[in-house]
Amino acid sequence: MEEELGEFIVLKPGVIAYPTSISKRWTINNTKILIDLYGKYKKQVGTLQVRSIKHMWTLIAQEISNSSNIRVTENQCENRWRVLERNFKKYIENQNATGRGKKYFEFAEEMDMILAKKKNIVPDILLESSTISIPNVDTENVASCSASKEVDGNRNVRNRKKRTGTMELMRLDRQSYFEKRIKIEEEKLMEFKTRTNILKGKNDKLKEYVDVVKKSKCSCLHSDGLVTDLLSD
């Protein structure tokens, strides 16, 4: 578990070194699905659909296993989420720190959508404009600091653009995945309706056949009764 702590936080976007101990089950796509499903089911915990946290992880594990060729368990999903949550918190703390190199978290936008309202993850100080007090220095030093900040600002803008492009691709990938899921479910529903109609038709024919047999038996019994009466006369 300790090896996973630094899994998603790197110094440059697009360069992610996954430790060899990380299971192949947690691809980028499966991780995004895990985040989406957590956001979907977490708010339903305590309802008839999702009775408890344990039930939530069971549902999430089932959906991920069904959507991929790799089976995952409830504990694996929960452990993966804890790693994501812990690394996202480190990422937020790094973004708020001064005098440190900014780090990149691949799932920052997805996690922010889920955890933005949690006080222990995103403190109030991040929502306020920060101020920096500068001691009295000579003009030359002030100019040097200003130039350095401008360079850092330009670098941050470029990094944000790269990250935005990557996250846009992630959103499109996720949208494509759910569209395919919807199409598959619609096809299953149509197939179920077709089978139901076929079964109903067979049942109707069987009922007609039974009615015909019953009527035939009644006619035979009636005829046998007439013959018996004639013979007795």
Protein backbone atom coordinates (compact mmCIF):
# COMPACT_ATOMS: atom_id res chain seq x y z
CA MET A 1 0.00 0.00 0.00
CA GLU A 2 2.83 2.40 0.76
CA GLU A 3 4.16 2.00 -2.77
CA GLU A 4 0.85 3.32 -4.11
CA LEU A 5 1.08 6.61 -2.23
CA GLY A 6 3.09 8.27 -4.96
CA GLU A 7 1.45 6.50 -7.84
CA PHE A 8 -0.46 9.41 -9.32
CA ILE A 9 1.60 12.41 -8.24
CA VAL A 10 4.51 13.28 -10.53
CA LEU A 11 6.50 16.37 -11.33
CA LYS A 12 5.48 16.60 -14.99
CA PRO A 13 2.12 15.79 -16.63
CA GLY A 14 2.05 12.86 -18.99
CA VAL A 15 4.95 11.04 -17.29
CA ILE A 16 3.56 8.49 -14.83
CA ALA A 17 5.73 5.67 -13.55
CA TYR A 18 3.51 2.94 -12.17
CA PRO A 19 5.24 0.71 -9.60
CA THR A 20 5.52 -2.91 -10.72
CA SER A 21 3.54 -3.97 -7.65
CA ILE A 22 0.42 -2.14 -8.88
CA SER A 23 -2.09 -4.64 -10.22
CA LYS A 24 -2.90 -4.47 -13.91
CA ARG A 25 -6.56 -4.43 -12.97
CA TRP A 26 -6.44 -0.70 -12.23
CA THR A 27 -6.02 0.77 -15.68
CA ILE A 28 -6.76 4.45 -16.29
CA ASN A 29 -10.21 3.53 -17.63
CA ASN A 30 -11.08 1.28 -14.67
CA THR A 31 -9.89 3.94 -12.23
CA LYS A 32 -12.12 6.56 -13.89
CA ILE A 33 -15.06 4.15 -13.72
CA LEU A 34 -14.35 3.62 -10.00
CA ILE A 35 -14.44 7.39 -9.37
CA ASP A 36 -17.68 7.80 -11.35
CA LEU A 37 -19.40 4.93 -9.56
CA TYR A 38 -18.30 6.24 -6.15
CA GLY A 39 -19.87 9.61 -6.97
CA LYS A 40 -23.02 7.85 -8.16
CA TYR A 41 -23.57 5.51 -5.20
CA LYS A 42 -22.07 7.44 -2.26
CA LYS A 43 -25.02 9.86 -2.09
CA GLN A 44 -27.44 6.89 -2.16
CA VAL A 45 -25.98 5.16 0.92
CA GLY A 46 -28.74 4.59 3.47
CA THR A 47 -31.48 4.11 0.88
CA LEU A 48 -33.16 0.91 -0.29
CA GLN A 49 -30.91 0.86 -3.35
CA VAL A 50 -27.65 1.20 -1.36
CA ARG A 51 -28.21 0.04 2.20
CA SER A 52 -24.68 0.61 3.57
CA ILE A 53 -21.10 1.51 2.67
CA LYS A 54 -20.27 -2.19 2.38
CA HIS A 55 -23.18 -2.66 -0.01
CA MET A 56 -21.91 0.32 -2.03
CA TRP A 57 -18.49 -1.28 -2.55
CA THR A 58 -20.19 -4.55 -3.54
CA LEU A 59 -22.19 -2.75 -6.25
CA ILE A 60 -19.11 -0.89 -7.48
CA ALA A 61 -17.04 -4.09 -7.68
CA GLN A 62 -19.81 -5.85 -9.63
CA GLU A 63 -20.13 -3.05 -12.19
CA ILE A 64 -16.37 -2.76 -12.75
CA SER A 65 -16.06 -6.55 -13.14
CA ASN A 66 -18.97 -6.61 -15.61
CA SER A 67 -17.53 -3.79 -17.71
CA SER A 68 -14.04 -5.31 -17.99
CA ASN A 69 -12.44 -8.71 -18.35
CA ILE A 70 -10.83 -8.49 -14.92
CA ARG A 71 -12.63 -9.34 -11.69
CA VAL A 72 -12.24 -6.96 -8.75
CA THR A 73 -13.42 -7.39 -5.17
CA GLU A 74 -15.07 -4.99 -2.73
CA ASN A 75 -11.85 -4.67 -0.69
CA GLN A 76 -9.77 -3.94 -3.78
CA CYS A 77 -12.15 -1.16 -4.81
CA GLU A 78 -12.17 0.35 -1.34
CA ASN A 79 -8.36 0.23 -1.05
CA ARG A 80 -7.99 1.81 -4.47
CA TRP A 81 -10.33 4.64 -3.49
CA ARG A 82 -8.40 5.30 -0.29
CA VAL A 83 -5.18 5.63 -2.30
CA LEU A 84 -6.85 8.04 -4.72
CA GLU A 85 -8.31 10.11 -1.90
CA ARG A 86 -5.00 10.26 -0.04
CA ASN A 87 -3.05 11.29 -3.16
CA PHE A 88 -5.65 13.90 -4.06
CA LYS A 89 -5.28 15.42 -0.61
CA LYS A 90 -1.50 15.56 -1.07
CA TYR A 91 -2.03 17.17 -4.46
CA ILE A 92 -4.30 19.87 -2.96
CA GLU A 93 -1.80 20.58 -0.19
CA ASN A 94 0.98 20.88 -2.77
CA GLN A 95 -1.04 23.32 -4.90
CA ASN A 96 -1.62 25.50 -1.84
CA ALA A 97 2.02 25.49 -0.72
CA THR A 98 4.47 28.25 -1.66
CA GLY A 99 8.07 27.79 -2.71
CA ARG A 100 7.55 24.20 -3.86
CA GLY A 101 7.40 22.69 -7.35
CA LYS A 102 3.83 22.12 -8.45
CA LYS A 103 2.89 18.50 -8.98
CA TYR A 104 0.44 16.88 -11.37
CA PHE A 105 -2.40 14.53 -10.42
CA GLU A 106 -3.93 12.69 -13.37
CA PHE A 107 -7.38 12.34 -11.83
CA ALA A 108 -7.50 15.80 -10.23
CA GLU A 109 -10.61 17.01 -12.07
CA GLU A 110 -12.59 13.81 -11.50
CA MET A 111 -11.71 13.71 -7.80
CA ASP A 112 -12.42 17.43 -7.41
CA MET A 113 -15.97 16.88 -8.69
CA ILE A 114 -16.53 14.28 -5.97
CA LEU A 115 -14.58 15.71 -3.03
CA ALA A 116 -14.66 19.49 -3.54
CA LYS A 117 -17.12 19.94 -0.67
CA LYS A 118 -15.19 17.87 1.87
CA LYS A 119 -13.53 20.26 4.35
CA ASN A 120 -10.74 17.83 5.24
CA ILE A 121 -9.78 17.48 1.58
CA VAL A 122 -10.22 21.02 0.26
CA PRO A 123 -9.84 23.52 3.14
CA ASP A 124 -11.55 26.91 3.09
CA ILE A 125 -8.24 28.68 2.61
CA LEU A 126 -8.13 27.42 -0.98
CA LEU A 127 -11.39 29.22 -1.72
CA GLU A 128 -10.05 32.58 -0.59
CA SER A 129 -7.54 34.88 -2.28
CA SER A 130 -4.16 34.50 -0.59
CA THR A 131 -1.89 37.41 0.22
CA ILE A 132 1.88 37.44 0.46
CA SER A 133 3.73 40.00 2.57
CA ILE A 134 6.99 41.24 1.01
CA PRO A 135 9.64 42.89 3.21
CA ASN A 136 11.26 46.15 2.18
CA VAL A 137 13.98 45.38 -0.36
CA ASP A 138 15.79 47.39 -2.97
CA THR A 139 14.30 48.01 -6.42
CA GLU A 140 16.66 45.60 -8.16
CA ASN A 141 15.58 42.65 -6.01
CA VAL A 142 11.90 43.49 -6.50
CA ALA A 143 12.34 43.55 -10.27
CA SER A 144 14.16 40.21 -10.16
CA CYS A 145 11.39 38.60 -8.09
CA SER A 146 8.71 39.98 -10.43
CA ALA A 147 10.45 38.54 -13.49
CA SER A 148 10.82 35.17 -11.79
CA LYS A 149 7.12 35.09 -10.86
CA GLU A 150 6.17 35.99 -14.43
CA VAL A 151 8.20 33.07 -15.79
CA ASP A 152 6.64 30.71 -13.24
CA GLY A 153 3.20 32.02 -14.14
CA ASN A 154 3.74 31.34 -17.84
CA ARG A 155 4.97 27.85 -17.06
CA ASN A 156 1.89 27.16 -14.91
CA VAL A 157 -0.40 28.36 -17.73
CA ARG A 158 1.24 25.92 -20.15
CA ASN A 159 0.93 23.09 -17.65
CA ARG A 160 -2.75 23.88 -17.08
CA LYS A 161 -3.38 23.81 -20.84
CA LYS A 162 -1.70 20.41 -21.12
CA ARG A 163 -3.71 19.10 -18.18
CA THR A 164 -6.94 20.50 -19.62
CA GLY A 165 -6.28 18.71 -22.92
CA THR A 166 -5.63 15.42 -21.15
CA MET A 167 -8.76 15.72 -19.01
CA GLU A 168 -10.85 16.58 -22.06
CA LEU A 169 -9.72 13.32 -23.66
CA MET A 170 -10.63 11.51 -20.43
CA ARG A 171 -14.13 13.02 -20.47
CA LEU A 172 -14.66 11.98 -24.09
CA ASP A 173 -13.39 8.48 -23.31
CA ARG A 174 -15.74 8.21 -20.34
CA GLN A 175 -18.67 9.52 -22.39
CA SER A 176 -17.97 6.95 -25.12
CA TYR A 177 -17.87 4.18 -22.52
CA PHE A 178 -21.26 5.06 -21.03
CA GLU A 179 -22.84 5.47 -24.48
CA LYS A 180 -21.73 1.93 -25.33
CA ARG A 181 -23.11 0.66 -22.02
CA ILE A 182 -26.48 2.30 -22.71
CA LYS A 183 -26.60 0.79 -26.19
CA ILE A 184 -25.83 -2.68 -24.84
CA GLU A 185 -28.57 -2.38 -22.18
CA GLU A 186 -31.07 -1.22 -24.82
CA GLU A 187 -30.22 -4.22 -27.01
CA LYS A 188 -30.68 -6.55 -24.04
CA LEU A 189 -34.08 -5.00 -23.33
CA MET A 190 -35.19 -5.42 -26.95
CA GLU A 191 -34.06 -9.05 -26.93
CA PHE A 192 -35.97 -9.65 -23.68
CA LYS A 193 -39.14 -8.13 -25.16
CA THR A 194 -38.80 -10.27 -28.30
CA ARG A 195 -38.40 -13.45 -26.25
CA THR A 196 -41.37 -12.47 -24.10
CA ASN A 197 -43.58 -11.96 -27.17
CA ILE A 198 -42.49 -15.31 -28.63
CA LEU A 199 -43.24 -17.07 -25.35
CA LYS A 200 -46.64 -15.36 -25.13
CA GLY A 201 -47.48 -16.52 -28.67
CA LYS A 202 -46.56 -20.11 -27.80
CA ASN A 203 -48.68 -19.97 -24.65
CA ASP A 204 -51.68 -18.63 -26.62
CA LYS A 205 -51.37 -21.45 -29.18
CA LEU A 206 -51.09 -24.03 -26.41
CA LYS A 207 -54.20 -22.63 -24.76
CA GLU A 208 -56.11 -22.83 -28.06
CA TYR A 209 -54.98 -26.43 -28.51
CA VAL A 210 -56.13 -27.37 -25.00
CA ASP A 211 -59.53 -25.77 -25.64
CA VAL A 212 -59.91 -27.76 -28.88
CA VAL A 213 -59.01 -31.01 -27.12
CA LYS A 214 -61.52 -30.30 -24.35
CA LYS A 215 -64.28 -29.60 -26.86
CA SER A 216 -63.42 -32.78 -28.78
CA LYS A 217 -63.67 -34.87 -25.63
CA CYS A 218 -67.03 -33.34 -24.76
CA SER A 219 -68.37 -34.15 -28.25
CA CYS A 220 -67.17 -37.76 -28.03
CA LEU A 221 -68.78 -38.27 -24.64
CA HIS A 222 -72.07 -36.86 -25.92
CA SER A 223 -72.03 -39.19 -28.96
CA ASP A 224 -71.32 -42.26 -26.80
CA GLY A 225 -74.33 -41.39 -24.65
CA LEU A 226 -76.70 -41.33 -27.66
CA VAL A 227 -75.49 -44.71 -28.91
CA THR A 228 -76.03 -46.25 -25.48
CA ASP A 229 -79.61 -44.92 -25.32
CA LEU A 230 -80.47 -46.34 -28.78
CA LEU A 231 -79.13 -49.78 -27.92
CA SER A 232 -81.08 -49.89 -24.70
CA ASP A 233 -84.33 -49.16 -26.58
